[in-house]
Amino acid sequence: MKTFNQIVQELFNIKEEAIRDELSSKDIPNWDSMNYLLFVAELEKNFNISFTMDEVMNAQTLGDLRKLVEHRAS
């Protein structure tokens, strides 16, 4: 199983040391609508969880998504 940060690195092409919870689509050039949906799908598959559409649409930062993963995976 991959970690949250490994998935961020792979899909958004960000180095581990640059990953911070406050990063949003404004900070990550590869965070477009398609890559965001691929990211969400990879999180769901990797952690065996499902997000609601509201959760997906309202998440603004990596930290928002990390909290959702931690909440669902626990």
PDB file of N, CA and C in Angstrom:
ATOM      1  N   MET A   1       0.845  -1.180   0.000  1.00  0.00           N
ATOM      2  CA  MET A   1       0.000   0.000   0.000  1.00  0.00           C
ATOM      3  C   MET A   1       0.894   1.248   0.000  1.00  0.00           C
ATOM      4  N   LYS A   2       0.534   2.197  -0.801  1.00  0.00           N
ATOM      5  CA  LYS A   2       1.271   3.457  -0.895  1.00  0.00           C
ATOM      6  C   LYS A   2       0.817   4.397   0.218  1.00  0.00           C
ATOM      7  N   THR A   3       1.684   5.313   0.568  1.00  0.00           N
ATOM      8  CA  THR A   3       1.308   6.350   1.523  1.00  0.00           C
ATOM      9  C   THR A   3       0.639   7.499   0.788  1.00  0.00           C
ATOM     10  N   PHE A   4      -0.016   8.347   1.535  1.00  0.00           N
ATOM     11  CA  PHE A   4      -0.639   9.540   0.964  1.00  0.00           C
ATOM     12  C   PHE A   4       0.402  10.352   0.197  1.00  0.00           C
ATOM     13  N   ASN A   5       1.561  10.569   0.818  1.00  0.00           N
ATOM     14  CA  ASN A   5       2.600  11.376   0.186  1.00  0.00           C
ATOM     15  C   ASN A   5       3.153  10.725  -1.075  1.00  0.00           C
ATOM     16  N   GLN A   6       3.247   9.411  -1.107  1.00  0.00           N
ATOM     17  CA  GLN A   6       3.715   8.731  -2.313  1.00  0.00           C
ATOM     18  C   GLN A   6       2.756   8.966  -3.475  1.00  0.00           C
ATOM     19  N   ILE A   7       1.469   8.949  -3.184  1.00  0.00           N
ATOM     20  CA  ILE A   7       0.468   9.189  -4.222  1.00  0.00           C
ATOM     21  C   ILE A   7       0.559  10.635  -4.711  1.00  0.00           C
ATOM     22  N   VAL A   8       0.741  11.575  -3.785  1.00  0.00           N
ATOM     23  CA  VAL A   8       0.924  12.980  -4.162  1.00  0.00           C
ATOM     24  C   VAL A   8       2.138  13.113  -5.074  1.00  0.00           C
ATOM     25  N   GLN A   9       3.233  12.496  -4.684  1.00  0.00           N
ATOM     26  CA  GLN A   9       4.461  12.568  -5.480  1.00  0.00           C
ATOM     27  C   GLN A   9       4.240  12.048  -6.890  1.00  0.00           C
ATOM     28  N   GLU A  10       3.604  10.902  -7.011  1.00  0.00           N
ATOM     29  CA  GLU A  10       3.403  10.266  -8.310  1.00  0.00           C
ATOM     30  C   GLU A  10       2.464  11.060  -9.214  1.00  0.00           C
ATOM     31  N   LEU A  11       1.338  11.484  -8.679  1.00  0.00           N
ATOM     32  CA  LEU A  11       0.320  12.113  -9.529  1.00  0.00           C
ATOM     33  C   LEU A  11       0.554  13.596  -9.778  1.00  0.00           C
ATOM     34  N   PHE A  12       1.170  14.277  -8.830  1.00  0.00           N
ATOM     35  CA  PHE A  12       1.382  15.712  -8.996  1.00  0.00           C
ATOM     36  C   PHE A  12       2.844  16.065  -9.248  1.00  0.00           C
ATOM     37  N   ASN A  13       3.698  15.051  -9.292  1.00  0.00           N
ATOM     38  CA  ASN A  13       5.120  15.248  -9.588  1.00  0.00           C
ATOM     39  C   ASN A  13       5.764  16.268  -8.644  1.00  0.00           C
ATOM     40  N   ILE A  14       5.585  16.012  -7.348  1.00  0.00           N
ATOM     41  CA  ILE A  14       6.125  16.883  -6.306  1.00  0.00           C
ATOM     42  C   ILE A  14       7.107  16.077  -5.463  1.00  0.00           C
ATOM     43  N   LYS A  15       8.217  16.681  -5.126  1.00  0.00           N
ATOM     44  CA  LYS A  15       9.190  16.015  -4.268  1.00  0.00           C
ATOM     45  C   LYS A  15       8.651  15.916  -2.846  1.00  0.00           C
ATOM     46  N   GLU A  16       9.029  14.850  -2.167  1.00  0.00           N
ATOM     47  CA  GLU A  16       8.567  14.573  -0.803  1.00  0.00           C
ATOM     48  C   GLU A  16       8.738  15.784   0.115  1.00  0.00           C
ATOM     49  N   GLU A  17       9.906  16.413   0.050  1.00  0.00           N
ATOM     50  CA  GLU A  17      10.183  17.524   0.971  1.00  0.00           C
ATOM     51  C   GLU A  17       9.350  18.775   0.669  1.00  0.00           C
ATOM     52  N   ALA A  18       8.721  18.829  -0.477  1.00  0.00           N
ATOM     53  CA  ALA A  18       7.904  19.985  -0.845  1.00  0.00           C
ATOM     54  C   ALA A  18       6.426  19.797  -0.500  1.00  0.00           C
ATOM     55  N   ILE A  19       6.032  18.605  -0.083  1.00  0.00           N
ATOM     56  CA  ILE A  19       4.630  18.316   0.210  1.00  0.00           C
ATOM     57  C   ILE A  19       4.261  18.930   1.562  1.00  0.00           C
ATOM     58  N   ARG A  20       3.236  19.792   1.537  1.00  0.00           N
ATOM     59  CA  ARG A  20       2.722  20.411   2.757  1.00  0.00           C
ATOM     60  C   ARG A  20       1.195  20.391   2.696  1.00  0.00           C
ATOM     61  N   ASP A  21       0.567  20.261   3.846  1.00  0.00           N
ATOM     62  CA  ASP A  21      -0.889  20.166   3.893  1.00  0.00           C
ATOM     63  C   ASP A  21      -1.590  21.400   3.349  1.00  0.00           C
ATOM     64  N   GLU A  22      -0.949  22.569   3.401  1.00  0.00           N
ATOM     65  CA  GLU A  22      -1.622  23.785   2.936  1.00  0.00           C
ATOM     66  C   GLU A  22      -1.568  23.976   1.420  1.00  0.00           C
ATOM     67  N   LEU A  23      -0.889  23.095   0.704  1.00  0.00           N
ATOM     68  CA  LEU A  23      -0.820  23.213  -0.758  1.00  0.00           C
ATOM     69  C   LEU A  23      -2.193  22.991  -1.387  1.00  0.00           C
ATOM     70  N   SER A  24      -2.492  23.815  -2.381  1.00  0.00           N
ATOM     71  CA  SER A  24      -3.777  23.707  -3.085  1.00  0.00           C
ATOM     72  C   SER A  24      -3.515  23.704  -4.591  1.00  0.00           C
ATOM     73  N   SER A  25      -4.575  23.732  -5.356  1.00  0.00           N
ATOM     74  CA  SER A  25      -4.443  23.742  -6.817  1.00  0.00           C
ATOM     75  C   SER A  25      -3.697  24.981  -7.309  1.00  0.00           C
ATOM     76  N   LYS A  26      -3.720  26.039  -6.531  1.00  0.00           N
ATOM     77  CA  LYS A  26      -2.991  27.262  -6.909  1.00  0.00           C
ATOM     78  C   LYS A  26      -1.485  27.074  -6.793  1.00  0.00           C
ATOM     79  N   ASP A  27      -1.063  26.142  -5.939  1.00  0.00           N
ATOM     80  CA  ASP A  27       0.358  25.918  -5.675  1.00  0.00           C
ATOM     81  C   ASP A  27       0.960  24.783  -6.493  1.00  0.00           C
ATOM     82  N   ILE A  28       0.102  23.915  -7.027  1.00  0.00           N
ATOM     83  CA  ILE A  28       0.561  22.707  -7.714  1.00  0.00           C
ATOM     84  C   ILE A  28       0.167  22.788  -9.185  1.00  0.00           C
ATOM     85  N   PRO A  29       1.139  23.040 -10.065  1.00  0.00           N
ATOM     86  CA  PRO A  29       0.816  23.207 -11.489  1.00  0.00           C
ATOM     87  C   PRO A  29       0.082  22.016 -12.109  1.00  0.00           C
ATOM     88  N   ASN A  30       0.388  20.810 -11.663  1.00  0.00           N
ATOM     89  CA  ASN A  30      -0.251  19.615 -12.236  1.00  0.00           C
ATOM     90  C   ASN A  30      -1.626  19.320 -11.641  1.00  0.00           C
ATOM     91  N   TRP A  31      -2.095  20.156 -10.728  1.00  0.00           N
ATOM     92  CA  TRP A  31      -3.397  19.936 -10.093  1.00  0.00           C
ATOM     93  C   TRP A  31      -4.469  20.582 -10.965  1.00  0.00           C
ATOM     94  N   ASP A  32      -4.830  19.882 -12.033  1.00  0.00           N
ATOM     95  CA  ASP A  32      -5.964  20.313 -12.842  1.00  0.00           C
ATOM     96  C   ASP A  32      -7.133  19.387 -12.529  1.00  0.00           C
ATOM     97  N   SER A  33      -8.261  19.609 -13.170  1.00  0.00           N
ATOM     98  CA  SER A  33      -9.451  18.832 -12.823  1.00  0.00           C
ATOM     99  C   SER A  33      -9.264  17.338 -13.084  1.00  0.00           C
ATOM    100  N   MET A  34      -8.603  16.981 -14.171  1.00  0.00           N
ATOM    101  CA  MET A  34      -8.399  15.566 -14.483  1.00  0.00           C
ATOM    102  C   MET A  34      -7.455  14.908 -13.479  1.00  0.00           C
ATOM    103  N   ASN A  35      -6.331  15.548 -13.211  1.00  0.00           N
ATOM    104  CA  ASN A  35      -5.383  14.966 -12.251  1.00  0.00           C
ATOM    105  C   ASN A  35      -5.959  14.911 -10.846  1.00  0.00           C
ATOM    106  N   TYR A  36      -6.800  15.880 -10.503  1.00  0.00           N
ATOM    107  CA  TYR A  36      -7.441  15.848  -9.189  1.00  0.00           C
ATOM    108  C   TYR A  36      -8.349  14.626  -9.074  1.00  0.00           C
ATOM    109  N   LEU A  37      -9.134  14.362 -10.104  1.00  0.00           N
ATOM    110  CA  LEU A  37     -10.011  13.182 -10.068  1.00  0.00           C
ATOM    111  C   LEU A  37      -9.204  11.889 -10.055  1.00  0.00           C
ATOM    112  N   LEU A  38      -8.109  11.852 -10.793  1.00  0.00           N
ATOM    113  CA  LEU A  38      -7.229  10.681 -10.745  1.00  0.00           C
ATOM    114  C   LEU A  38      -6.633  10.504  -9.354  1.00  0.00           C
ATOM    115  N   PHE A  39      -6.262  11.612  -8.715  1.00  0.00           N
ATOM    116  CA  PHE A  39      -5.722  11.583  -7.365  1.00  0.00           C
ATOM    117  C   PHE A  39      -6.749  11.020  -6.381  1.00  0.00           C
ATOM    118  N   VAL A  40      -7.972  11.529  -6.453  1.00  0.00           N
ATOM    119  CA  VAL A  40      -9.045  11.056  -5.575  1.00  0.00           C
ATOM    120  C   VAL A  40      -9.300   9.565  -5.804  1.00  0.00           C
ATOM    121  N   ALA A  41      -9.347   9.152  -7.059  1.00  0.00           N
ATOM    122  CA  ALA A  41      -9.580   7.731  -7.379  1.00  0.00           C
ATOM    123  C   ALA A  41      -8.452   6.863  -6.838  1.00  0.00           C
ATOM    124  N   GLU A  42      -7.222   7.337  -6.947  1.00  0.00           N
ATOM    125  CA  GLU A  42      -6.079   6.573  -6.439  1.00  0.00           C
ATOM    126  C   GLU A  42      -6.129   6.478  -4.912  1.00  0.00           C
ATOM    127  N   LEU A  43      -6.520   7.547  -4.242  1.00  0.00           N
ATOM    128  CA  LEU A  43      -6.674   7.501  -2.782  1.00  0.00           C
ATOM    129  C   LEU A  43      -7.745   6.490  -2.398  1.00  0.00           C
ATOM    130  N   GLU A  44      -8.877   6.529  -3.094  1.00  0.00           N
ATOM    131  CA  GLU A  44      -9.969   5.595  -2.788  1.00  0.00           C
ATOM    132  C   GLU A  44      -9.523   4.152  -2.995  1.00  0.00           C
ATOM    133  N   LYS A  45      -8.845   3.892  -4.091  1.00  0.00           N
ATOM    134  CA  LYS A  45      -8.390   2.534  -4.393  1.00  0.00           C
ATOM    135  C   LYS A  45      -7.339   2.080  -3.385  1.00  0.00           C
ATOM    136  N   ASN A  46      -6.358   2.919  -3.150  1.00  0.00           N
ATOM    137  CA  ASN A  46      -5.238   2.552  -2.296  1.00  0.00           C
ATOM    138  C   ASN A  46      -5.661   2.333  -0.841  1.00  0.00           C
ATOM    139  N   PHE A  47      -6.559   3.175  -0.342  1.00  0.00           N
ATOM    140  CA  PHE A  47      -6.968   3.082   1.061  1.00  0.00           C
ATOM    141  C   PHE A  47      -8.298   2.353   1.241  1.00  0.00           C
ATOM    142  N   ASN A  48      -8.863   1.847   0.127  1.00  0.00           N
ATOM    143  CA  ASN A  48     -10.123   1.104   0.159  1.00  0.00           C
ATOM    144  C   ASN A  48     -11.229   1.903   0.861  1.00  0.00           C
ATOM    145  N   ILE A  49     -11.406   3.136   0.401  1.00  0.00           N
ATOM    146  CA  ILE A  49     -12.408   4.038   0.957  1.00  0.00           C
ATOM    147  C   ILE A  49     -13.198   4.671  -0.190  1.00  0.00           C
ATOM    148  N   SER A  50     -14.284   5.355   0.159  1.00  0.00           N
ATOM    149  CA  SER A  50     -15.064   6.094  -0.833  1.00  0.00           C
ATOM    150  C   SER A  50     -15.378   7.468  -0.272  1.00  0.00           C
ATOM    151  N   PHE A  51     -15.220   8.472  -1.123  1.00  0.00           N
ATOM    152  CA  PHE A  51     -15.566   9.834  -0.746  1.00  0.00           C
ATOM    153  C   PHE A  51     -16.935  10.167  -1.321  1.00  0.00           C
ATOM    154  N   THR A  52     -17.633  11.069  -0.667  1.00  0.00           N
ATOM    155  CA  THR A  52     -18.874  11.580  -1.242  1.00  0.00           C
ATOM    156  C   THR A  52     -18.511  12.663  -2.259  1.00  0.00           C
ATOM    157  N   MET A  53     -19.444  12.977  -3.130  1.00  0.00           N
ATOM    158  CA  MET A  53     -19.207  14.029  -4.108  1.00  0.00           C
ATOM    159  C   MET A  53     -18.955  15.363  -3.408  1.00  0.00           C
ATOM    160  N   ASP A  54     -19.689  15.628  -2.326  1.00  0.00           N
ATOM    161  CA  ASP A  54     -19.482  16.870  -1.571  1.00  0.00           C
ATOM    162  C   ASP A  54     -18.063  16.952  -1.020  1.00  0.00           C
ATOM    163  N   GLU A  55     -17.552  15.856  -0.497  1.00  0.00           N
ATOM    164  CA  GLU A  55     -16.192  15.848   0.033  1.00  0.00           C
ATOM    165  C   GLU A  55     -15.177  16.148  -1.068  1.00  0.00           C
ATOM    166  N   VAL A  56     -15.366  15.533  -2.207  1.00  0.00           N
ATOM    167  CA  VAL A  56     -14.452  15.733  -3.333  1.00  0.00           C
ATOM    168  C   VAL A  56     -14.506  17.179  -3.806  1.00  0.00           C
ATOM    169  N   MET A  57     -15.685  17.743  -3.889  1.00  0.00           N
ATOM    170  CA  MET A  57     -15.839  19.100  -4.405  1.00  0.00           C
ATOM    171  C   MET A  57     -15.400  20.171  -3.400  1.00  0.00           C
ATOM    172  N   ASN A  58     -15.506  19.868  -2.107  1.00  0.00           N
ATOM    173  CA  ASN A  58     -15.196  20.867  -1.083  1.00  0.00           C
ATOM    174  C   ASN A  58     -13.753  20.838  -0.601  1.00  0.00           C
ATOM    175  N   ALA A  59     -13.022  19.788  -0.884  1.00  0.00           N
ATOM    176  CA  ALA A  59     -11.622  19.720  -0.467  1.00  0.00           C
ATOM    177  C   ALA A  59     -10.815  20.741  -1.267  1.00  0.00           C
ATOM    178  N   GLN A  60     -10.082  21.581  -0.575  1.00  0.00           N
ATOM    179  CA  GLN A  60      -9.329  22.652  -1.226  1.00  0.00           C
ATOM    180  C   GLN A  60      -7.817  22.458  -1.156  1.00  0.00           C
ATOM    181  N   THR A  61      -7.357  21.703  -0.169  1.00  0.00           N
ATOM    182  CA  THR A  61      -5.918  21.537   0.040  1.00  0.00           C
ATOM    183  C   THR A  61      -5.560  20.070   0.213  1.00  0.00           C
ATOM    184  N   LEU A  62      -4.274  19.791   0.154  1.00  0.00           N
ATOM    185  CA  LEU A  62      -3.831  18.420   0.444  1.00  0.00           C
ATOM    186  C   LEU A  62      -4.209  18.035   1.866  1.00  0.00           C
ATOM    187  N   GLY A  63      -4.143  18.984   2.781  1.00  0.00           N
ATOM    188  CA  GLY A  63      -4.524  18.707   4.169  1.00  0.00           C
ATOM    189  C   GLY A  63      -5.977  18.303   4.306  1.00  0.00           C
ATOM    190  N   ASP A  64      -6.863  18.949   3.545  1.00  0.00           N
ATOM    191  CA  ASP A  64      -8.285  18.563   3.561  1.00  0.00           C
ATOM    192  C   ASP A  64      -8.435  17.105   3.152  1.00  0.00           C
ATOM    193  N   LEU A  65      -7.729  16.734   2.106  1.00  0.00           N
ATOM    194  CA  LEU A  65      -7.821  15.360   1.601  1.00  0.00           C
ATOM    195  C   LEU A  65      -7.170  14.374   2.571  1.00  0.00           C
ATOM    196  N   ARG A  66      -6.050  14.772   3.162  1.00  0.00           N
ATOM    197  CA  ARG A  66      -5.386  13.894   4.134  1.00  0.00           C
ATOM    198  C   ARG A  66      -6.316  13.617   5.315  1.00  0.00           C
ATOM    199  N   LYS A  67      -7.017  14.646   5.802  1.00  0.00           N
ATOM    200  CA  LYS A  67      -7.952  14.467   6.927  1.00  0.00           C
ATOM    201  C   LYS A  67      -9.082  13.524   6.537  1.00  0.00           C
ATOM    202  N   LEU A  68      -9.588  13.664   5.311  1.00  0.00           N
ATOM    203  CA  LEU A  68     -10.641  12.765   4.855  1.00  0.00           C
ATOM    204  C   LEU A  68     -10.160  11.322   4.813  1.00  0.00           C
ATOM    205  N   VAL A  69      -8.960  11.120   4.319  1.00  0.00           N
ATOM    206  CA  VAL A  69      -8.397   9.768   4.247  1.00  0.00           C
ATOM    207  C   VAL A  69      -8.233   9.212   5.665  1.00  0.00           C
ATOM    208  N   GLU A  70      -7.683  10.011   6.560  1.00  0.00           N
ATOM    209  CA  GLU A  70      -7.466   9.542   7.943  1.00  0.00           C
ATOM    210  C   GLU A  70      -8.780   9.209   8.606  1.00  0.00           C
ATOM    211  N   HIS A  71      -9.806  10.025   8.369  1.00  0.00           N
ATOM    212  CA  HIS A  71     -11.133   9.798   8.960  1.00  0.00           C
ATOM    213  C   HIS A  71     -11.765   8.520   8.410  1.00  0.00           C
ATOM    214  N   ARG A  72     -11.706   8.336   7.093  1.00  0.00           N
ATOM    215  CA  ARG A  72     -12.335   7.178   6.457  1.00  0.00           C
ATOM    216  C   ARG A  72     -11.553   5.880   6.714  1.00  0.00           C
ATOM    217  N   ALA A  73     -10.246   5.972   6.761  1.00  0.00           N
ATOM    218  CA  ALA A  73      -9.408   4.766   6.881  1.00  0.00           C
ATOM    219  C   ALA A  73      -9.299   4.275   8.317  1.00  0.00           C
ATOM    220  N   SER A  74      -9.742   5.079   9.278  1.00  0.00           N
ATOM    221  CA  SER A  74      -9.587   4.657  10.681  1.00  0.00           C
ATOM    222  C   SER A  74     -10.701   3.765  11.145  1.00  0.00           C
TER     223      SER A  74
END
